[in-house]
Amino acid sequence: MEKSCFICPVCGAELWRDTKAYRCESGHCFDIAKKGYVNLLMLQSSSQHGDSKEMIASRAEFLNRGFYDKLSAEICDCVIKYSPQETRVLDAGCGECKYTFDVLKSLSEAGRCPEVIGIDISKEALAFSRRRGSGLSLAVASTAELPVASGSVDVLINIFAPFSPGEFSRVIKNNGVIIRAYPLARHLWELKELIYDKPYENPALAPEKGLILCEERKLKYKFELESAKEIFSLFEMTPYFHRTSAHDKEKLSKYNHLSCSAEFGIAIYKKTTK
């Protein structure tokens, strides 16, 4: 057995991995799924947690076309800037791991020795990630209760996923950083104009208690969607999808082209030290 990057969600002890499962010294055991992830989510039920297969497929199709590659390159640049030679990176809310794999590749090409962890509440997303490759340590879990030891992470990335400042601050090292990607006020504005009678701007990023903002970057550009399918794939991967009526969703079927604004903010935090 070998020591893993995860801790037991039941007792908090280190988890050790063999070929089939993760185990702790107290005897708690968590099987490794055929798709390579381990389920460490304590809230178990038959209901769907996180994104559905349809949302995951739409996001993967959209991202595979390169529309957000500029964002991914900027995130990788930030990770490399703040990573030591031997680095542990945690993607909290990794989804189907497009950005996670990009980070792993970038660090390896930069001559670093990375260990990259992906955590998401959707087991469907982690199962899908195997289509992109291997080399990640993956676990189903909530970003609000990370199965990761305190002070064990050099860089935590959080891309359009629930942000848990207290928990994130717990797991990063004293000199570690949190890299957060979020939408600026008019991100995807043209898409909103197609759907809503009165589109609204995204709220500004508020200060986070216990965290120091040490750097902020902004990235703005236009991208072109050339079919109704591409437009709908973008819409289906956004949080607006489940909050929009069937009537408003139907409006998108009328359009085969959309010039859309991508406007991202990247905030880099360090935790306050006592």
Protein backbone atom coordinates (compact mmCIF):
# COMPACT_ATOMS: atom_id res chain seq x y z
CA MET A 1 0.00 0.00 0.00
CA GLU A 2 1.10 3.57 -0.63
CA LYS A 3 0.26 6.80 1.16
CA SER A 4 -2.34 8.91 -0.68
CA CYS A 5 -3.17 12.60 -0.77
CA PHE A 6 -6.59 11.99 0.82
CA ILE A 7 -7.80 11.69 4.40
CA CYS A 8 -10.63 9.55 5.70
CA PRO A 9 -13.93 11.47 5.66
CA VAL A 10 -15.10 9.47 8.70
CA CYS A 11 -12.21 9.83 11.16
CA GLY A 12 -9.76 12.21 9.46
CA ALA A 13 -6.86 9.73 9.39
CA GLU A 14 -4.53 9.37 6.41
CA LEU A 15 -5.80 7.13 3.63
CA TRP A 16 -3.51 4.53 2.12
CA ARG A 17 -4.09 3.15 -1.37
CA ASP A 18 -3.78 -0.30 -2.84
CA THR A 19 -4.92 -1.43 -6.27
CA LYS A 20 -8.59 -1.62 -5.35
CA ALA A 21 -9.32 0.72 -2.43
CA TYR A 22 -8.30 3.45 -0.03
CA ARG A 23 -8.05 2.44 3.64
CA CYS A 24 -7.25 4.16 6.93
CA GLU A 25 -5.72 2.70 10.10
CA SER A 26 -9.17 2.60 11.73
CA GLY A 27 -10.40 0.17 9.11
CA HIS A 28 -12.58 2.48 7.02
CA CYS A 29 -12.43 1.42 3.38
CA PHE A 30 -13.42 3.21 0.16
CA ASP A 31 -13.40 1.30 -3.12
CA ILE A 32 -11.82 2.74 -6.24
CA ALA A 33 -14.32 2.91 -9.11
CA LYS A 34 -13.49 1.41 -12.51
CA LYS A 35 -13.20 4.97 -13.86
CA GLY A 36 -10.39 5.69 -11.37
CA TYR A 37 -12.01 7.90 -8.74
CA VAL A 38 -12.86 7.23 -5.10
CA ASN A 39 -16.15 8.32 -3.55
CA LEU A 40 -15.44 10.17 -0.28
CA LEU A 41 -18.74 12.03 -0.14
CA MET A 42 -20.32 11.36 3.24
CA LEU A 43 -23.81 12.37 2.12
CA GLN A 44 -24.82 9.27 0.19
CA SER A 45 -28.21 8.98 -1.51
CA SER A 46 -29.72 7.89 -4.80
CA SER A 47 -30.29 11.49 -5.86
CA GLN A 48 -28.04 13.32 -8.32
CA HIS A 49 -25.19 15.30 -6.82
CA GLY A 50 -23.66 18.02 -8.97
CA ASP A 51 -23.85 18.27 -12.74
CA SER A 52 -25.81 15.79 -14.82
CA LYS A 53 -24.41 13.75 -17.70
CA GLU A 54 -26.06 16.15 -20.15
CA MET A 55 -24.46 19.24 -18.61
CA ILE A 56 -21.07 17.52 -18.44
CA ALA A 57 -21.25 16.46 -22.09
CA SER A 58 -22.25 19.97 -23.17
CA ARG A 59 -19.41 21.55 -21.19
CA ALA A 60 -16.87 19.08 -22.56
CA GLU A 61 -18.02 19.66 -26.13
CA PHE A 62 -17.81 23.43 -25.68
CA LEU A 63 -14.41 23.41 -23.96
CA ASN A 64 -12.96 20.96 -26.48
CA ARG A 65 -13.57 23.55 -29.21
CA GLY A 66 -11.11 25.87 -27.51
CA PHE A 67 -13.42 28.75 -26.64
CA TYR A 68 -11.97 29.04 -23.12
CA ASP A 69 -8.38 28.06 -23.92
CA LYS A 70 -7.21 31.60 -23.19
CA LEU A 71 -8.61 31.29 -19.67
CA SER A 72 -6.93 27.93 -19.19
CA ALA A 73 -3.58 29.35 -20.35
CA GLU A 74 -3.90 32.22 -17.87
CA ILE A 75 -4.71 29.85 -15.01
CA CYS A 76 -1.73 27.65 -15.91
CA ASP A 77 0.51 30.72 -15.94
CA CYS A 78 -0.70 31.64 -12.44
CA VAL A 79 -0.15 28.10 -11.16
CA ILE A 80 3.40 27.99 -12.52
CA LYS A 81 4.16 31.42 -11.04
CA TYR A 82 3.15 30.37 -7.53
CA SER A 83 4.23 26.71 -7.51
CA PRO A 84 7.41 25.37 -5.91
CA GLN A 85 9.47 22.72 -7.72
CA GLU A 86 7.66 19.86 -5.99
CA THR A 87 4.07 20.98 -5.83
CA ARG A 88 0.68 19.67 -4.84
CA VAL A 89 -2.21 21.30 -6.69
CA LEU A 90 -5.86 20.80 -5.75
CA ASP A 91 -8.66 21.63 -8.20
CA ALA A 92 -11.68 22.15 -5.93
CA GLY A 93 -14.75 21.71 -8.12
CA CYS A 94 -12.86 20.23 -11.06
CA GLY A 95 -15.83 19.01 -13.12
CA GLU A 96 -14.68 16.83 -16.02
CA CYS A 97 -11.09 18.04 -15.46
CA LYS A 98 -10.31 20.03 -18.61
CA TYR A 99 -8.47 22.71 -16.64
CA THR A 100 -7.03 20.13 -14.24
CA PHE A 101 -5.30 18.22 -17.01
CA ASP A 102 -4.08 21.47 -18.59
CA VAL A 103 -2.45 22.40 -15.27
CA LEU A 104 -0.83 18.97 -14.94
CA LYS A 105 0.57 19.22 -18.47
CA SER A 106 1.82 22.79 -18.02
CA LEU A 107 3.61 22.01 -14.76
CA SER A 108 5.24 18.92 -16.22
CA GLU A 109 6.39 20.84 -19.30
CA ALA A 110 7.80 23.56 -17.02
CA GLY A 111 10.01 20.96 -15.34
CA ARG A 112 8.07 20.81 -12.07
CA CYS A 113 7.23 17.67 -10.13
CA PRO A 114 3.47 17.96 -9.72
CA GLU A 115 0.85 15.99 -7.83
CA VAL A 116 -2.56 17.16 -9.05
CA ILE A 117 -5.79 16.37 -7.23
CA GLY A 118 -9.31 16.82 -8.58
CA ILE A 119 -12.37 16.96 -6.33
CA ASP A 120 -15.96 17.35 -7.46
CA ILE A 121 -19.35 16.50 -6.04
CA SER A 122 -20.43 14.90 -9.35
CA LYS A 123 -19.22 11.34 -9.86
CA GLU A 124 -20.49 11.60 -13.43
CA ALA A 125 -18.02 14.42 -14.07
CA LEU A 126 -15.09 12.47 -12.64
CA ALA A 127 -16.08 9.39 -14.65
CA PHE A 128 -16.10 11.51 -17.81
CA SER A 129 -12.63 12.86 -17.03
CA ARG A 130 -11.05 9.51 -17.89
CA ARG A 131 -11.69 10.35 -21.55
CA ARG A 132 -9.10 13.11 -21.19
CA GLY A 133 -6.35 10.91 -19.75
CA SER A 134 -4.85 9.76 -16.47
CA GLY A 135 -2.37 10.97 -13.89
CA LEU A 136 -4.76 12.73 -11.52
CA SER A 137 -5.91 11.71 -8.03
CA LEU A 138 -9.71 12.06 -8.12
CA ALA A 139 -12.35 11.98 -5.39
CA VAL A 140 -16.05 12.63 -5.17
CA ALA A 141 -16.51 15.12 -2.35
CA SER A 142 -17.91 18.53 -1.51
CA THR A 143 -15.76 21.66 -1.73
CA ALA A 144 -17.23 22.54 1.68
CA GLU A 145 -15.67 19.40 3.25
CA LEU A 146 -12.47 18.53 1.44
CA PRO A 147 -11.00 15.10 2.25
CA VAL A 148 -7.52 16.63 2.26
CA ALA A 149 -5.18 17.21 5.21
CA SER A 150 -4.78 20.69 6.68
CA GLY A 151 -1.80 22.63 5.34
CA SER A 152 -0.98 20.08 2.65
CA VAL A 153 -1.67 21.97 -0.60
CA ASP A 154 0.64 24.42 -2.37
CA VAL A 155 -1.90 25.76 -4.90
CA LEU A 156 -5.68 25.42 -4.86
CA ILE A 157 -7.61 26.33 -8.01
CA ASN A 158 -11.33 27.03 -8.03
CA ILE A 159 -12.92 27.68 -11.41
CA PHE A 160 -16.61 28.67 -11.49
CA ALA A 161 -17.28 26.32 -8.59
CA PRO A 162 -18.62 26.89 -5.06
CA PHE A 163 -16.08 28.89 -3.06
CA SER A 164 -15.43 27.83 0.53
CA PRO A 165 -12.89 30.31 1.94
CA GLY A 166 -12.56 28.73 5.38
CA GLU A 167 -12.08 25.21 4.05
CA PHE A 168 -9.72 26.34 1.29
CA SER A 169 -7.66 28.30 3.79
CA ARG A 170 -7.46 25.19 5.99
CA VAL A 171 -5.94 22.93 3.34
CA ILE A 172 -3.35 25.29 1.81
CA LYS A 173 0.09 25.73 3.31
CA ASN A 174 1.01 28.98 5.06
CA ASN A 175 2.80 30.15 1.91
CA GLY A 176 0.27 28.57 -0.46
CA VAL A 177 -2.22 30.34 -2.72
CA ILE A 178 -5.82 30.04 -3.86
CA ILE A 179 -6.46 30.84 -7.53
CA ARG A 180 -10.10 31.63 -8.19
CA ALA A 181 -11.64 32.17 -11.64
CA TYR A 182 -14.99 33.95 -11.73
CA PRO A 183 -17.22 35.79 -14.25
CA LEU A 184 -16.91 39.56 -14.57
CA ALA A 185 -20.00 41.75 -14.79
CA ARG A 186 -20.80 41.27 -18.49
CA HIS A 187 -19.52 37.75 -19.07
CA LEU A 188 -21.69 36.05 -21.74
CA TRP A 189 -23.75 39.22 -22.04
CA GLU A 190 -24.88 38.55 -25.61
CA LEU A 191 -26.16 35.11 -24.63
CA LYS A 192 -28.19 36.66 -21.82
CA GLU A 193 -29.64 39.20 -24.26
CA LEU A 194 -31.00 36.38 -26.42
CA ILE A 195 -32.74 34.74 -23.49
CA TYR A 196 -33.87 37.41 -21.05
CA ASP A 197 -36.00 40.50 -21.53
CA LYS A 198 -33.92 42.26 -18.88
CA PRO A 199 -30.44 40.72 -18.67
CA TYR A 200 -28.55 41.33 -15.45
CA GLU A 201 -24.88 41.85 -14.72
CA ASN A 202 -22.93 39.45 -12.52
CA PRO A 203 -22.18 40.82 -9.03
CA ALA A 204 -18.74 42.18 -8.21
CA LEU A 205 -16.37 39.96 -6.26
CA ALA A 206 -16.64 40.65 -2.54
CA PRO A 207 -13.67 40.56 -0.10
CA GLU A 208 -13.15 37.17 1.56
CA LYS A 209 -12.68 37.03 5.32
CA GLY A 210 -9.40 35.44 6.33
CA LEU A 211 -7.87 35.78 2.87
CA ILE A 212 -5.57 38.43 1.42
CA LEU A 213 -5.99 39.35 -2.25
CA CYS A 214 -2.41 39.45 -3.54
CA GLU A 215 -3.04 39.60 -7.29
CA GLU A 216 -5.96 40.07 -9.66
CA ARG A 217 -6.08 39.55 -13.41
CA LYS A 218 -8.79 40.30 -15.96
CA LEU A 219 -9.23 38.61 -19.31
CA LYS A 220 -11.68 39.87 -21.95
CA TYR A 221 -12.19 38.70 -25.52
CA LYS A 222 -14.87 37.76 -28.06
CA PHE A 223 -15.53 34.30 -29.44
CA GLU A 224 -17.78 33.16 -32.27
CA LEU A 225 -20.41 30.44 -32.03
CA GLU A 226 -21.33 29.13 -35.48
CA SER A 227 -24.36 26.90 -34.87
CA ALA A 228 -27.45 26.53 -32.74
CA LYS A 229 -25.81 23.46 -31.19
CA GLU A 230 -22.75 25.43 -30.06
CA ILE A 231 -24.96 28.16 -28.63
CA PHE A 232 -27.05 25.65 -26.69
CA SER A 233 -23.96 23.78 -25.45
CA LEU A 234 -22.68 27.01 -23.96
CA PHE A 235 -26.04 27.78 -22.36
CA GLU A 236 -26.47 24.26 -20.94
CA MET A 237 -23.11 24.41 -19.12
CA THR A 238 -23.95 27.67 -17.34
CA PRO A 239 -25.78 28.05 -14.02
CA TYR A 240 -28.51 29.99 -15.88
CA PHE A 241 -29.77 26.81 -17.52
CA HIS A 242 -31.72 25.42 -14.55
CA ARG A 243 -33.05 28.86 -13.63
CA THR A 244 -34.53 29.58 -17.05
CA SER A 245 -38.06 28.78 -18.19
CA ALA A 246 -38.75 26.47 -21.12
CA HIS A 247 -40.19 29.45 -22.98
CA ASP A 248 -36.96 31.44 -22.67
CA LYS A 249 -34.81 28.40 -23.54
CA GLU A 250 -36.77 27.99 -26.76
CA LYS A 251 -35.59 31.42 -27.93
CA LEU A 252 -32.11 30.04 -28.59
CA SER A 253 -33.32 27.70 -31.34
CA LYS A 254 -33.83 30.72 -33.62
CA TYR A 255 -30.12 31.56 -33.77
CA ASN A 256 -27.25 29.94 -35.67
CA HIS A 257 -24.53 32.49 -34.91
CA LEU A 258 -23.52 34.44 -31.84
CA SER A 259 -20.57 36.73 -31.21
CA CYS A 260 -20.18 36.46 -27.45
CA SER A 261 -18.09 38.18 -24.79
CA ALA A 262 -15.86 36.17 -22.48
CA GLU A 263 -14.96 38.27 -19.45
CA PHE A 264 -13.09 36.49 -16.67
CA GLY A 265 -11.56 37.60 -13.41
CA ILE A 266 -8.78 35.65 -11.71
CA ALA A 267 -8.22 36.42 -8.03
CA ILE A 268 -5.18 35.05 -6.23
CA TYR A 269 -5.35 34.86 -2.44
CA LYS A 270 -3.02 34.04 0.39
CA LYS A 271 -4.35 33.24 3.83
CA THR A 272 -3.80 35.49 6.80
CA THR A 273 -1.29 34.06 9.25
CA LYS A 274 -1.54 34.52 12.98
